[in-house]
Protein backbone atom coordinates (compact mmCIF):
# COMPACT_ATOMS: atom_id res chain seq x y z
CA UNK A 1 -22.87 6.33 -16.44
CA UNK A 2 -22.78 6.02 -12.65
CA UNK A 3 -21.23 3.07 -10.80
CA UNK A 4 -21.67 2.46 -7.07
CA UNK A 5 -19.19 0.14 -5.35
CA UNK A 6 -19.66 -0.16 -1.62
CA UNK A 7 -19.02 -2.33 1.41
CA UNK A 8 -16.35 -3.14 4.03
CA UNK A 9 -14.13 -5.25 1.76
CA UNK A 10 -12.21 -2.32 0.28
CA UNK A 11 -9.57 -4.58 -1.25
CA UNK A 12 -12.05 -6.00 -3.77
CA UNK A 13 -13.98 -2.77 -4.29
CA UNK A 14 -10.79 -0.82 -5.10
CA UNK A 15 -9.64 -3.63 -7.37
CA UNK A 16 -12.96 -3.43 -9.20
CA UNK A 17 -12.58 0.36 -9.42
CA UNK A 18 -9.20 0.01 -11.04
CA UNK A 19 -10.58 -2.54 -13.50
CA UNK A 20 -13.29 -0.09 -14.58
CA UNK A 21 -10.79 2.71 -14.92
CA UNK A 22 -8.48 0.55 -17.00
CA UNK A 23 -11.37 -0.57 -19.23
CA UNK A 24 -12.29 3.04 -20.03
CA UNK A 25 -8.64 3.99 -20.43
CA UNK A 26 -8.25 1.38 -23.20
CA UNK A 27 -11.44 2.50 -24.93
CA UNK A 28 -10.75 6.23 -24.72
CA UNK A 29 -7.03 6.24 -25.56
CA UNK A 30 -5.73 9.81 -25.67
CA UNK A 31 -9.25 11.14 -24.92
CA UNK A 32 -9.10 9.68 -21.39
CA UNK A 33 -9.43 12.18 -18.53
CA UNK A 34 -9.37 10.82 -14.95
CA UNK A 35 -10.17 12.78 -11.75
CA UNK A 36 -10.04 11.53 -8.15
CA UNK A 37 -12.03 13.03 -5.29
CA UNK A 38 -12.20 12.03 -1.59
CA UNK A 39 -14.98 13.65 0.43
CA UNK A 40 -13.10 13.11 3.69
CA UNK A 41 -10.62 15.82 2.70
CA UNK A 42 -12.71 18.01 0.37
CA UNK A 43 -16.16 19.58 0.17
CA UNK A 44 -19.07 19.26 -2.25
CA UNK A 45 -18.05 22.48 -4.05
CA UNK A 46 -14.75 20.86 -5.05
CA UNK A 47 -16.68 17.81 -6.35
CA UNK A 48 -19.04 20.03 -8.40
CA UNK A 49 -16.02 21.93 -9.77
CA UNK A 50 -14.51 18.69 -11.09
CA UNK A 51 -17.78 17.81 -12.81
CA UNK A 52 -18.24 21.25 -14.38
CA UNK A 53 -14.66 21.80 -15.55
CA UNK A 54 -14.40 21.22 -19.30
CA UNK A 55 -11.32 19.74 -20.90
CA UNK A 56 -10.05 20.92 -24.28
CA UNK A 57 -8.57 17.57 -25.02
CA UNK A 58 -10.65 14.76 -23.51
CA UNK A 59 -14.01 13.78 -24.91
CA UNK A 60 -14.88 11.76 -21.78
CA UNK A 61 -14.30 12.46 -18.11
CA UNK A 62 -14.02 9.63 -15.57
CA UNK A 63 -14.38 10.64 -11.89
CA UNK A 64 -13.61 8.35 -8.96
CA UNK A 65 -15.36 9.80 -5.91
CA UNK A 66 -14.80 8.27 -2.46
CA UNK A 67 -17.18 8.58 0.51
CA UNK A 68 -19.46 11.31 -0.81
CA UNK A 69 -22.53 9.47 0.55
CA UNK A 70 -20.99 8.83 3.95
CA UNK A 71 -18.87 11.92 4.57
CA UNK A 72 -20.77 14.88 3.03
CA UNK A 73 -23.49 16.30 5.25
CA UNK A 74 -25.43 18.07 2.45
CA UNK A 75 -27.02 14.90 1.13
CA UNK A 76 -29.80 16.67 -0.79
CA UNK A 77 -27.22 18.55 -2.86
CA UNK A 78 -25.29 15.32 -3.40
CA UNK A 79 -28.46 13.63 -4.56
CA UNK A 80 -29.21 16.53 -6.92
CA UNK A 81 -25.75 16.24 -8.49
CA UNK A 82 -26.18 12.52 -9.08
CA UNK A 83 -29.58 13.08 -10.61
CA UNK A 84 -28.08 15.66 -13.04
CA UNK A 85 -25.50 13.13 -14.21
CA UNK A 86 -28.09 10.53 -15.23
CA UNK A 87 -27.73 9.55 -18.88
CA UNK A 88 -24.70 11.72 -19.61
CA UNK A 89 -22.38 9.85 -21.96
CA UNK A 90 -19.36 12.12 -21.50
CA UNK A 91 -19.07 11.64 -17.68
CA UNK A 92 -18.42 8.31 -16.03
CA UNK A 93 -18.70 8.52 -12.23
CA UNK A 94 -17.54 5.78 -9.83
CA UNK A 95 -18.83 6.12 -6.29
CA UNK A 96 -16.68 4.22 -3.83
CA UNK A 97 -18.14 3.87 -0.32
CA UNK A 98 -16.67 1.86 2.54
CA UNK A 99 -18.89 3.02 5.45
CA UNK A 100 -22.09 1.05 5.88
CA UNK A 101 -23.70 2.62 8.91
CA UNK A 102 -27.48 3.00 9.02
CA UNK A 103 -27.47 6.49 7.53
CA UNK A 104 -25.22 5.53 4.62
CA UNK A 105 -27.36 2.46 3.82
CA UNK A 106 -30.44 4.70 3.70
CA UNK A 107 -28.66 7.13 1.44
CA UNK A 108 -27.63 4.32 -0.89
CA UNK A 109 -31.28 3.25 -1.19
CA UNK A 110 -32.30 6.81 -2.02
CA UNK A 111 -29.78 7.29 -4.84
CA UNK A 112 -30.21 3.76 -6.21
CA UNK A 113 -32.56 5.05 -8.97
CA UNK A 114 -29.72 7.20 -10.33
CA UNK A 115 -27.20 4.40 -10.34
CA UNK A 116 -26.54 2.40 -13.55
CA UNK A 117 -24.49 -0.38 -11.97
CA UNK A 118 -23.90 -1.21 -8.34
CA UNK A 119 -22.04 -3.91 -6.41
CA UNK A 120 -21.68 -4.61 -2.73
CA UNK A 121 -18.44 -6.04 -1.35
CA UNK A 122 -18.94 -7.88 1.88
CA UNK A 123 -16.14 -9.79 3.62
CA UNK A 124 -15.65 -13.22 2.08
CA UNK A 125 -17.02 -16.28 3.84
CA UNK A 126 -14.84 -19.30 4.69
CA UNK A 127 -15.22 -21.14 1.33
CA UNK A 128 -14.90 -18.04 -0.81
CA UNK A 129 -11.93 -16.88 1.24
CA UNK A 130 -10.21 -20.23 0.81
CA UNK A 131 -10.77 -20.07 -2.98
CA UNK A 132 -9.51 -16.48 -3.15
CA UNK A 133 -6.38 -17.35 -1.21
CA UNK A 134 -5.62 -20.36 -3.45
CA UNK A 135 -6.15 -18.32 -6.65
CA UNK A 136 -3.96 -15.41 -5.40
CA UNK A 137 -1.22 -17.80 -4.25
CA UNK A 138 -1.24 -19.43 -7.68
CA UNK A 139 -0.93 -16.05 -9.42
CA UNK A 140 2.19 -15.29 -7.35
CA UNK A 141 3.66 -18.78 -7.75
CA UNK A 142 3.33 -19.46 -4.06
CA UNK A 143 3.11 -23.04 -2.74
CA UNK A 144 0.94 -23.14 0.35
CA UNK A 145 2.47 -25.47 2.94
CA UNK A 146 0.88 -26.10 6.36
CA UNK A 147 2.97 -23.47 8.13
CA UNK A 148 2.03 -20.92 5.49
CA UNK A 149 -1.65 -21.76 5.73
CA UNK A 150 -1.55 -21.33 9.50
CA UNK A 151 0.04 -17.92 9.08
CA UNK A 152 -2.57 -16.85 6.55
CA UNK A 153 -5.46 -18.02 8.69
CA UNK A 154 -4.51 -15.56 11.40
CA UNK A 155 -5.51 -12.65 9.11
CA UNK A 156 -9.12 -13.76 8.80
CA UNK A 157 -10.94 -12.05 5.91
CA UNK A 158 -8.57 -9.04 5.77
CA UNK A 159 -7.59 -9.28 2.11
CA UNK A 160 -5.12 -6.39 2.36
CA UNK A 161 -3.14 -8.29 5.03
CA UNK A 162 -3.50 -11.61 3.21
CA UNK A 163 -2.28 -10.07 -0.04
CA UNK A 164 0.73 -8.56 1.75
CA UNK A 165 1.53 -11.90 3.34
CA UNK A 166 1.32 -13.71 0.02
CA UNK A 167 3.66 -11.14 -1.51
CA UNK A 168 6.08 -11.86 1.31
CA UNK A 169 5.79 -15.65 0.77
CA UNK A 170 6.46 -15.16 -2.91
CA UNK A 171 9.68 -13.29 -2.19
CA UNK A 172 10.75 -15.89 0.33
CA UNK A 173 10.06 -18.86 -1.97
CA UNK A 174 11.85 -17.09 -4.84
CA UNK A 175 14.82 -16.85 -2.45
CA UNK A 176 14.59 -20.65 -1.96
CA UNK A 177 13.17 -20.45 1.59
CA UNK A 178 10.64 -23.30 1.98
CA UNK A 179 7.77 -22.86 4.37
CA UNK A 180 8.03 -26.63 4.96
CA UNK A 181 11.44 -26.18 6.56
CA UNK A 182 12.05 -24.34 9.85
CA UNK A 183 14.19 -21.25 9.70
CA UNK A 184 16.64 -22.71 12.21
CA UNK A 185 18.21 -24.82 9.42
CA UNK A 186 19.98 -21.61 8.33
CA UNK A 187 23.19 -20.38 10.02
CA UNK A 188 22.87 -17.62 12.60
CA UNK A 189 22.56 -14.17 11.10
CA UNK A 190 23.71 -10.79 12.48
CA UNK A 191 22.00 -7.38 12.44
CA UNK A 192 25.02 -6.01 10.56
CA UNK A 193 24.26 -8.36 7.66
CA UNK A 194 20.77 -6.90 7.59
CA UNK A 195 22.23 -3.41 7.46
CA UNK A 196 24.36 -4.40 4.48
CA UNK A 197 21.33 -5.63 2.47
CA UNK A 198 18.26 -3.73 3.73
CA UNK A 199 18.79 -0.64 1.58
CA UNK A 200 19.86 -2.23 -1.70
CA UNK A 201 19.02 -5.94 -1.79
CA UNK A 202 15.36 -6.22 -0.74
CA UNK A 203 14.82 -9.97 -1.15
CA UNK A 204 18.01 -10.90 0.66
CA UNK A 205 17.24 -8.30 3.34
CA UNK A 206 13.81 -9.83 3.94
CA UNK A 207 15.33 -13.27 4.29
CA UNK A 208 17.88 -12.08 6.84
CA UNK A 209 15.28 -10.05 8.76
CA UNK A 210 13.03 -13.11 9.19
CA UNK A 211 15.98 -15.17 10.38
CA UNK A 212 16.96 -12.54 12.92
CA UNK A 213 13.43 -12.41 14.30
CA UNK A 214 13.29 -16.22 14.42
CA UNK A 215 16.57 -16.22 16.32
CA UNK A 216 14.92 -14.01 18.94
CA UNK A 217 16.22 -10.54 18.09
CA UNK A 218 13.97 -7.78 19.46
CA UNK A 219 12.14 -6.20 16.50
CA UNK A 220 12.19 -2.72 18.07
CA UNK A 221 15.98 -2.87 18.48
CA UNK A 222 16.36 -4.04 14.84
CA UNK A 223 14.12 -1.15 13.68
CA UNK A 224 16.16 1.36 15.77
CA UNK A 225 19.45 0.06 14.37
CA UNK A 226 18.28 0.33 10.74
CA UNK A 227 16.82 3.77 11.34
CA UNK A 228 20.14 5.01 12.73
CA UNK A 229 22.01 3.22 9.97
CA UNK A 230 19.83 5.03 7.37
CA UNK A 231 20.81 8.36 8.91
CA UNK A 232 24.48 7.39 8.78
CA UNK A 233 24.25 6.40 5.12
CA UNK A 234 22.46 9.61 4.25
CA UNK A 235 25.04 11.74 6.09
CA UNK A 236 27.95 10.00 4.32
CA UNK A 237 26.17 10.19 0.92
CA UNK A 238 25.42 13.91 1.36
CA UNK A 239 29.09 14.74 2.10
CA UNK A 240 30.31 12.59 -0.77
CA UNK A 241 27.97 14.46 -3.16
CA UNK A 242 29.45 17.73 -1.92
CA UNK A 243 33.00 16.42 -2.20
CA UNK A 244 33.60 16.83 1.51
CA UNK A 245 34.84 14.57 4.30
CA UNK A 246 32.35 13.70 7.07
CA UNK A 247 33.14 16.05 10.03
CA UNK A 248 34.18 14.52 13.36
CA UNK A 249 31.23 16.26 15.06
CA UNK A 250 28.93 13.56 13.69
CA UNK A 251 30.73 10.99 15.84
CA UNK A 252 30.89 8.36 13.05
CA UNK A 253 33.86 5.97 13.28
CA UNK A 254 36.22 6.18 10.29
CA UNK A 255 35.69 2.44 9.57
CA UNK A 256 31.89 2.95 9.47
CA UNK A 257 32.35 5.94 7.14
CA UNK A 258 34.52 3.87 4.83
CA UNK A 259 32.05 1.02 4.69
CA UNK A 260 29.05 3.35 4.29
CA UNK A 261 30.84 5.17 1.43
CA UNK A 262 31.18 1.86 -0.39
CA UNK A 263 27.50 1.00 0.18
CA UNK A 264 26.01 4.31 -0.98
CA UNK A 265 27.79 4.17 -4.39
CA UNK A 266 24.80 2.15 -5.69
CA UNK A 267 22.13 4.07 -3.73
CA UNK A 268 20.85 7.47 -4.86
CA UNK A 269 20.48 10.44 -2.55
CA UNK A 270 16.79 10.61 -3.38
CA UNK A 271 16.34 6.95 -2.40
CA UNK A 272 18.03 7.56 0.93
CA UNK A 273 15.86 10.63 1.55
CA UNK A 274 12.73 8.63 0.80
CA UNK A 275 13.88 5.81 3.10
CA UNK A 276 14.59 8.25 5.92
CA UNK A 277 11.15 9.81 5.57
CA UNK A 278 9.62 6.31 5.56
CA UNK A 279 11.43 5.44 8.81
CA UNK A 280 10.14 8.62 10.41
CA UNK A 281 6.55 7.79 9.33
CA UNK A 282 6.75 4.20 10.47
CA UNK A 283 8.31 5.22 13.79
CA UNK A 284 5.31 7.49 14.42
CA UNK A 285 2.89 4.61 13.67
CA UNK A 286 4.84 2.37 16.02
CA UNK A 287 4.76 4.92 18.84
CA UNK A 288 1.00 5.48 18.61
CA UNK A 289 0.38 1.73 18.50
CA UNK A 290 -1.07 1.21 15.03
CA UNK A 291 1.88 -0.84 13.75
CA UNK A 292 4.59 -3.10 15.14
CA UNK A 293 8.28 -2.71 14.23
CA UNK A 294 8.32 -6.08 12.52
CA UNK A 295 5.40 -5.16 10.28
CA UNK A 296 6.99 -1.81 9.41
CA UNK A 297 10.28 -3.42 8.33
CA UNK A 298 8.55 -6.19 6.34
CA UNK A 299 6.41 -3.66 4.50
CA UNK A 300 9.44 -1.47 3.70
CA UNK A 301 11.22 -4.44 2.18
CA UNK A 302 8.22 -5.80 0.32
CA UNK A 303 6.97 -2.57 -1.28
CA UNK A 304 10.42 -1.06 -1.77
CA UNK A 305 9.64 1.97 0.48
């Protein structure tokens, strides 16, 4: 069985891919064997190896292959592999393609005869997008007020960004922040309050972050403060784990050490390491211009990174 899911709307195509995988997982039970392959980082030999490798335990093999029509130059060999998989009951192949340039479209037409089921995912039009947004908001328990709708409209048909924004709205509304009411109804917040909540109380941290930004705090300065604060917490946590006092060479004020020591009691060393790595990655994205500090901080709070 060969599926082909393609088109620029990768949010819906990946969701469909996951639905197919879950369907076969339920049917196969312990006989389920899943492999993932991305042609942008691997060659056709690696793909063939996945197909040819036999499992001693699984009766069926499900392979999710991304971009093999767009990214692999040896199309004739790719086509030959797809032809050889026709009618095989023990291999389920999902082809996931996002590129739709002229060459990829021609390739899709050529392999269509080998495909059992195919579906194209174009960006949603205005009516379909409005329906999708309403349904996704309902799933999350989000009430869409005028201010929220205006915010969502700015993302156009980018379902990844819309989904992320709806997740954020859900967290805010669960924290009793109404999108009908302006944020200036809340008392003024400080960046130190954000530092106290960012690493352990995500919902409260998101609420304080949004208030700080509404009050006019510079998002880059907030990002820098939290990044430095993460390093301080990790330094204190590391020395506590080793049963040592934090040396004066680190230049951390005794009061800050005392407060940090209290905070890190409920935060694992692994969590702090992960958070530090995430700050480093987001800082790189900010410096090369693919993300803004505000977006980075919101994503870290929403996805728990």
